[in-house]
Amino acid sequence: MYIIKVKGVAKIPDYVQLRDENFTLLAYFRIDRPDKSLDKLGLAHKAEYIMGLVSNLPFGQILKLDI
């Protein structure tokens, strides 16, 4: 799984994308509201870990997650 932090512009907030090994979009959620999306993927128990990575990830960089 891959994670990408996307910078918002003007009134559009910052977002996070979660993608699978084929780079298919699995989740797209606001940085301040990850709960529902992570819960739908069954990753609610890893939310704190994922959001910790997101906070340190530069915008536009792709990070491979080993979950």
PDB file of N, CA and C in Angstrom:
ATOM      1  N   MET A   1       0.845  -1.166   0.000  1.00  0.00           N
ATOM      2  CA  MET A   1       0.000   0.000   0.000  1.00  0.00           C
ATOM      3  C   MET A   1       0.895   1.235   0.000  1.00  0.00           C
ATOM      4  N   TYR A   2       0.438   2.269  -0.676  1.00  0.00           N
ATOM      5  CA  TYR A   2       1.188   3.518  -0.763  1.00  0.00           C
ATOM      6  C   TYR A   2       0.353   4.659  -0.204  1.00  0.00           C
ATOM      7  N   ILE A   3       1.033   5.658   0.331  1.00  0.00           N
ATOM      8  CA  ILE A   3       0.369   6.837   0.873  1.00  0.00           C
ATOM      9  C   ILE A   3       0.978   8.073   0.228  1.00  0.00           C
ATOM     10  N   ILE A   4       0.098   9.019  -0.139  1.00  0.00           N
ATOM     11  CA  ILE A   4       0.515  10.274  -0.771  1.00  0.00           C
ATOM     12  C   ILE A   4      -0.215  11.414  -0.062  1.00  0.00           C
ATOM     13  N   LYS A   5       0.511  12.446   0.275  1.00  0.00           N
ATOM     14  CA  LYS A   5      -0.071  13.633   0.905  1.00  0.00           C
ATOM     15  C   LYS A   5      -0.199  14.707  -0.175  1.00  0.00           C
ATOM     16  N   VAL A   6      -1.428  15.194  -0.377  1.00  0.00           N
ATOM     17  CA  VAL A   6      -1.733  16.135  -1.452  1.00  0.00           C
ATOM     18  C   VAL A   6      -2.035  17.505  -0.865  1.00  0.00           C
ATOM     19  N   LYS A   7      -1.330  18.518  -1.331  1.00  0.00           N
ATOM     20  CA  LYS A   7      -1.514  19.889  -0.854  1.00  0.00           C
ATOM     21  C   LYS A   7      -2.758  20.508  -1.468  1.00  0.00           C
ATOM     22  N   GLY A   8      -3.631  21.038  -0.636  1.00  0.00           N
ATOM     23  CA  GLY A   8      -4.813  21.736  -1.112  1.00  0.00           C
ATOM     24  C   GLY A   8      -4.460  23.150  -1.544  1.00  0.00           C
ATOM     25  N   VAL A   9      -5.325  23.745  -2.327  1.00  0.00           N
ATOM     26  CA  VAL A   9      -5.135  25.128  -2.774  1.00  0.00           C
ATOM     27  C   VAL A   9      -6.381  25.939  -2.452  1.00  0.00           C
ATOM     28  N   ALA A  10      -6.185  27.199  -2.123  1.00  0.00           N
ATOM     29  CA  ALA A  10      -7.272  28.129  -1.794  1.00  0.00           C
ATOM     30  C   ALA A  10      -8.194  27.513  -0.735  1.00  0.00           C
ATOM     31  N   LYS A  11      -9.449  27.250  -1.082  1.00  0.00           N
ATOM     32  CA  LYS A  11     -10.421  26.721  -0.120  1.00  0.00           C
ATOM     33  C   LYS A  11     -10.426  25.194  -0.052  1.00  0.00           C
ATOM     34  N   ILE A  12      -9.645  24.529  -0.889  1.00  0.00           N
ATOM     35  CA  ILE A  12      -9.583  23.068  -0.890  1.00  0.00           C
ATOM     36  C   ILE A  12      -8.552  22.629   0.150  1.00  0.00           C
ATOM     37  N   PRO A  13      -8.957  21.779   1.100  1.00  0.00           N
ATOM     38  CA  PRO A  13      -8.025  21.366   2.169  1.00  0.00           C
ATOM     39  C   PRO A  13      -6.993  20.346   1.683  1.00  0.00           C
ATOM     40  N   ASP A  14      -6.019  20.059   2.538  1.00  0.00           N
ATOM     41  CA  ASP A  14      -5.019  19.033   2.250  1.00  0.00           C
ATOM     42  C   ASP A  14      -5.669  17.654   2.362  1.00  0.00           C
ATOM     43  N   TYR A  15      -5.238  16.734   1.512  1.00  0.00           N
ATOM     44  CA  TYR A  15      -5.803  15.388   1.478  1.00  0.00           C
ATOM     45  C   TYR A  15      -4.716  14.332   1.541  1.00  0.00           C
ATOM     46  N   VAL A  16      -5.139  13.102   1.837  1.00  0.00           N
ATOM     47  CA  VAL A  16      -4.269  11.932   1.826  1.00  0.00           C
ATOM     48  C   VAL A  16      -4.887  10.914   0.869  1.00  0.00           C
ATOM     49  N   GLN A  17      -4.036  10.295   0.068  1.00  0.00           N
ATOM     50  CA  GLN A  17      -4.475   9.202  -0.806  1.00  0.00           C
ATOM     51  C   GLN A  17      -3.819   7.919  -0.329  1.00  0.00           C
ATOM     52  N   LEU A  18      -4.600   6.863  -0.260  1.00  0.00           N
ATOM     53  CA  LEU A  18      -4.072   5.524  -0.005  1.00  0.00           C
ATOM     54  C   LEU A  18      -4.292   4.718  -1.279  1.00  0.00           C
ATOM     55  N   ARG A  19      -3.228   4.097  -1.771  1.00  0.00           N
ATOM     56  CA  ARG A  19      -3.296   3.336  -3.015  1.00  0.00           C
ATOM     57  C   ARG A  19      -2.712   1.943  -2.798  1.00  0.00           C
ATOM     58  N   ASP A  20      -3.232   0.977  -3.577  1.00  0.00           N
ATOM     59  CA  ASP A  20      -2.739  -0.396  -3.439  1.00  0.00           C
ATOM     60  C   ASP A  20      -1.489  -0.615  -4.287  1.00  0.00           C
ATOM     61  N   GLU A  21      -1.038  -1.855  -4.372  1.00  0.00           N
ATOM     62  CA  GLU A  21       0.192  -2.189  -5.102  1.00  0.00           C
ATOM     63  C   GLU A  21       0.104  -1.868  -6.595  1.00  0.00           C
ATOM     64  N   ASN A  22      -1.116  -1.881  -7.150  1.00  0.00           N
ATOM     65  CA  ASN A  22      -1.326  -1.527  -8.560  1.00  0.00           C
ATOM     66  C   ASN A  22      -1.591  -0.035  -8.734  1.00  0.00           C
ATOM     67  N   PHE A  23      -1.451   0.700  -7.661  1.00  0.00           N
ATOM     68  CA  PHE A  23      -1.650   2.144  -7.589  1.00  0.00           C
ATOM     69  C   PHE A  23      -3.114   2.552  -7.798  1.00  0.00           C
ATOM     70  N   THR A  24      -4.035   1.633  -7.526  1.00  0.00           N
ATOM     71  CA  THR A  24      -5.461   1.919  -7.564  1.00  0.00           C
ATOM     72  C   THR A  24      -5.841   2.660  -6.289  1.00  0.00           C
ATOM     73  N   LEU A  25      -6.626   3.716  -6.431  1.00  0.00           N
ATOM     74  CA  LEU A  25      -7.035   4.525  -5.287  1.00  0.00           C
ATOM     75  C   LEU A  25      -7.943   3.718  -4.361  1.00  0.00           C
ATOM     76  N   LEU A  26      -7.554   3.591  -3.100  1.00  0.00           N
ATOM     77  CA  LEU A  26      -8.351   2.888  -2.098  1.00  0.00           C
ATOM     78  C   LEU A  26      -9.114   3.859  -1.207  1.00  0.00           C
ATOM     79  N   ALA A  27      -8.478   4.976  -0.881  1.00  0.00           N
ATOM     80  CA  ALA A  27      -9.095   5.970  -0.011  1.00  0.00           C
ATOM     81  C   ALA A  27      -8.524   7.343  -0.316  1.00  0.00           C
ATOM     82  N   TYR A  28      -9.375   8.345  -0.153  1.00  0.00           N
ATOM     83  CA  TYR A  28      -9.011   9.739  -0.382  1.00  0.00           C
ATOM     84  C   TYR A  28      -9.727  10.527   0.702  1.00  0.00           C
ATOM     85  N   PHE A  29      -8.983  11.073   1.658  1.00  0.00           N
ATOM     86  CA  PHE A  29      -9.631  11.730   2.783  1.00  0.00           C
ATOM     87  C   PHE A  29      -8.848  12.950   3.240  1.00  0.00           C
ATOM     88  N   ARG A  30      -9.571  13.863   3.895  1.00  0.00           N
ATOM     89  CA  ARG A  30      -8.944  15.051   4.456  1.00  0.00           C
ATOM     90  C   ARG A  30      -8.031  14.651   5.600  1.00  0.00           C
ATOM     91  N   ILE A  31      -6.945  15.361   5.733  1.00  0.00           N
ATOM     92  CA  ILE A  31      -5.976  15.054   6.784  1.00  0.00           C
ATOM     93  C   ILE A  31      -6.614  15.148   8.171  1.00  0.00           C
ATOM     94  N   ASP A  32      -7.536  16.058   8.353  1.00  0.00           N
ATOM     95  CA  ASP A  32      -8.154  16.227   9.668  1.00  0.00           C
ATOM     96  C   ASP A  32      -9.352  15.299   9.909  1.00  0.00           C
ATOM     97  N   ARG A  33      -9.725  14.461   8.918  1.00  0.00           N
ATOM     98  CA  ARG A  33     -10.874  13.558   9.069  1.00  0.00           C
ATOM     99  C   ARG A  33     -10.606  12.174   8.460  1.00  0.00           C
ATOM    100  N   PRO A  34      -9.681  11.425   9.020  1.00  0.00           N
ATOM    101  CA  PRO A  34      -9.339  10.124   8.428  1.00  0.00           C
ATOM    102  C   PRO A  34     -10.223   8.965   8.891  1.00  0.00           C
ATOM    103  N   ASP A  35     -11.020   9.152   9.932  1.00  0.00           N
ATOM    104  CA  ASP A  35     -11.672   8.041  10.612  1.00  0.00           C
ATOM    105  C   ASP A  35     -12.557   7.154   9.727  1.00  0.00           C
ATOM    106  N   LYS A  36     -13.515   7.736   9.012  1.00  0.00           N
ATOM    107  CA  LYS A  36     -14.438   6.927   8.214  1.00  0.00           C
ATOM    108  C   LYS A  36     -13.722   6.150   7.123  1.00  0.00           C
ATOM    109  N   SER A  37     -12.819   6.789   6.419  1.00  0.00           N
ATOM    110  CA  SER A  37     -12.111   6.131   5.315  1.00  0.00           C
ATOM    111  C   SER A  37     -11.249   4.982   5.810  1.00  0.00           C
ATOM    112  N   LEU A  38     -10.523   5.196   6.883  1.00  0.00           N
ATOM    113  CA  LEU A  38      -9.676   4.131   7.423  1.00  0.00           C
ATOM    114  C   LEU A  38     -10.513   3.000   7.997  1.00  0.00           C
ATOM    115  N   ASP A  39     -11.664   3.332   8.567  1.00  0.00           N
ATOM    116  CA  ASP A  39     -12.562   2.315   9.105  1.00  0.00           C
ATOM    117  C   ASP A  39     -13.110   1.433   7.977  1.00  0.00           C
ATOM    118  N   LYS A  40     -13.474   2.036   6.853  1.00  0.00           N
ATOM    119  CA  LYS A  40     -13.993   1.282   5.704  1.00  0.00           C
ATOM    120  C   LYS A  40     -12.955   0.312   5.147  1.00  0.00           C
ATOM    121  N   LEU A  41     -11.678   0.680   5.227  1.00  0.00           N
ATOM    122  CA  LEU A  41     -10.601  -0.185   4.743  1.00  0.00           C
ATOM    123  C   LEU A  41     -10.167  -1.213   5.784  1.00  0.00           C
ATOM    124  N   GLY A  42     -10.721  -1.116   6.986  1.00  0.00           N
ATOM    125  CA  GLY A  42     -10.325  -2.028   8.052  1.00  0.00           C
ATOM    126  C   GLY A  42      -9.014  -1.638   8.699  1.00  0.00           C
ATOM    127  N   LEU A  43      -8.648  -0.361   8.578  1.00  0.00           N
ATOM    128  CA  LEU A  43      -7.390   0.124   9.130  1.00  0.00           C
ATOM    129  C   LEU A  43      -7.585   1.090  10.295  1.00  0.00           C
ATOM    130  N   ALA A  44      -8.764   1.079  10.890  1.00  0.00           N
ATOM    131  CA  ALA A  44      -9.037   2.005  11.992  1.00  0.00           C
ATOM    132  C   ALA A  44      -8.064   1.794  13.145  1.00  0.00           C
ATOM    133  N   HIS A  45      -7.658   0.552  13.376  1.00  0.00           N
ATOM    134  CA  HIS A  45      -6.716   0.263  14.464  1.00  0.00           C
ATOM    135  C   HIS A  45      -5.308   0.775  14.160  1.00  0.00           C
ATOM    136  N   LYS A  46      -5.017   1.117  12.904  1.00  0.00           N
ATOM    137  CA  LYS A  46      -3.712   1.647  12.495  1.00  0.00           C
ATOM    138  C   LYS A  46      -3.760   3.156  12.230  1.00  0.00           C
ATOM    139  N   ALA A  47      -4.876   3.802  12.532  1.00  0.00           N
ATOM    140  CA  ALA A  47      -5.066   5.214  12.212  1.00  0.00           C
ATOM    141  C   ALA A  47      -3.986   6.101  12.827  1.00  0.00           C
ATOM    142  N   GLU A  48      -3.657   5.873  14.077  1.00  0.00           N
ATOM    143  CA  GLU A  48      -2.657   6.704  14.748  1.00  0.00           C
ATOM    144  C   GLU A  48      -1.289   6.560  14.075  1.00  0.00           C
ATOM    145  N   TYR A  49      -0.921   5.341  13.717  1.00  0.00           N
ATOM    146  CA  TYR A  49       0.345   5.078  13.027  1.00  0.00           C
ATOM    147  C   TYR A  49       0.366   5.757  11.650  1.00  0.00           C
ATOM    148  N   ILE A  50      -0.702   5.586  10.884  1.00  0.00           N
ATOM    149  CA  ILE A  50      -0.778   6.167   9.533  1.00  0.00           C
ATOM    150  C   ILE A  50      -0.740   7.682   9.599  1.00  0.00           C
ATOM    151  N   MET A  51      -1.502   8.279  10.489  1.00  0.00           N
ATOM    152  CA  MET A  51      -1.537   9.733  10.571  1.00  0.00           C
ATOM    153  C   MET A  51      -0.224  10.290  11.117  1.00  0.00           C
ATOM    154  N   GLY A  52       0.501   9.522  11.897  1.00  0.00           N
ATOM    155  CA  GLY A  52       1.836   9.929  12.341  1.00  0.00           C
ATOM    156  C   GLY A  52       2.796  10.009  11.166  1.00  0.00           C
ATOM    157  N   LEU A  53       2.689   9.038  10.253  1.00  0.00           N
ATOM    158  CA  LEU A  53       3.503   9.071   9.035  1.00  0.00           C
ATOM    159  C   LEU A  53       3.123  10.255   8.151  1.00  0.00           C
ATOM    160  N   VAL A  54       1.828  10.512   8.048  1.00  0.00           N
ATOM    161  CA  VAL A  54       1.341  11.614   7.211  1.00  0.00           C
ATOM    162  C   VAL A  54       1.858  12.947   7.718  1.00  0.00           C
ATOM    163  N   SER A  55       1.898  13.127   9.024  1.00  0.00           N
ATOM    164  CA  SER A  55       2.327  14.416   9.578  1.00  0.00           C
ATOM    165  C   SER A  55       3.777  14.736   9.218  1.00  0.00           C
ATOM    166  N   ASN A  56       4.606  13.716   9.038  1.00  0.00           N
ATOM    167  CA  ASN A  56       6.012  13.925   8.699  1.00  0.00           C
ATOM    168  C   ASN A  56       6.308  13.821   7.208  1.00  0.00           C
ATOM    169  N   LEU A  57       5.328  13.434   6.418  1.00  0.00           N
ATOM    170  CA  LEU A  57       5.513  13.227   4.985  1.00  0.00           C
ATOM    171  C   LEU A  57       5.408  14.550   4.226  1.00  0.00           C
ATOM    172  N   PRO A  58       6.378  14.872   3.386  1.00  0.00           N
ATOM    173  CA  PRO A  58       6.274  16.081   2.568  1.00  0.00           C
ATOM    174  C   PRO A  58       5.160  15.928   1.523  1.00  0.00           C
ATOM    175  N   PHE A  59       4.562  17.042   1.138  1.00  0.00           N
ATOM    176  CA  PHE A  59       3.513  17.016   0.122  1.00  0.00           C
ATOM    177  C   PHE A  59       4.063  16.471  -1.196  1.00  0.00           C
ATOM    178  N   GLY A  60       3.275  15.596  -1.828  1.00  0.00           N
ATOM    179  CA  GLY A  60       3.641  15.064  -3.139  1.00  0.00           C
ATOM    180  C   GLY A  60       4.562  13.869  -3.120  1.00  0.00           C
ATOM    181  N   GLN A  61       5.108  13.522  -1.983  1.00  0.00           N
ATOM    182  CA  GLN A  61       6.013  12.375  -1.898  1.00  0.00           C
ATOM    183  C   GLN A  61       5.190  11.099  -1.685  1.00  0.00           C
ATOM    184  N   ILE A  62       5.619  10.001  -2.297  1.00  0.00           N
ATOM    185  CA  ILE A  62       4.958   8.710  -2.157  1.00  0.00           C
ATOM    186  C   ILE A  62       5.742   7.870  -1.151  1.00  0.00           C
ATOM    187  N   LEU A  63       5.025   7.284  -0.208  1.00  0.00           N
ATOM    188  CA  LEU A  63       5.630   6.457   0.820  1.00  0.00           C
ATOM    189  C   LEU A  63       4.981   5.078   0.796  1.00  0.00           C
ATOM    190  N   LYS A  64       5.789   4.035   0.748  1.00  0.00           N
ATOM    191  CA  LYS A  64       5.246   2.673   0.785  1.00  0.00           C
ATOM    192  C   LYS A  64       4.988   2.285   2.228  1.00  0.00           C
ATOM    193  N   LEU A  65       3.764   1.803   2.488  1.00  0.00           N
ATOM    194  CA  LEU A  65       3.375   1.348   3.812  1.00  0.00           C
ATOM    195  C   LEU A  65       3.437  -0.170   3.868  1.00  0.00           C
ATOM    196  N   ASP A  66       4.001  -0.686   4.910  1.00  0.00           N
ATOM    197  CA  ASP A  66       4.024  -2.132   5.129  1.00  0.00           C
ATOM    198  C   ASP A  66       3.095  -2.442   6.294  1.00  0.00           C
ATOM    199  N   ILE A  67       1.843  -2.654   5.951  1.00  0.00           N
ATOM    200  CA  ILE A  67       0.820  -2.933   6.991  1.00  0.00           C
ATOM    201  C   ILE A  67       0.331  -4.343   6.815  1.00  0.00           C
TER     202      ILE A  67
END
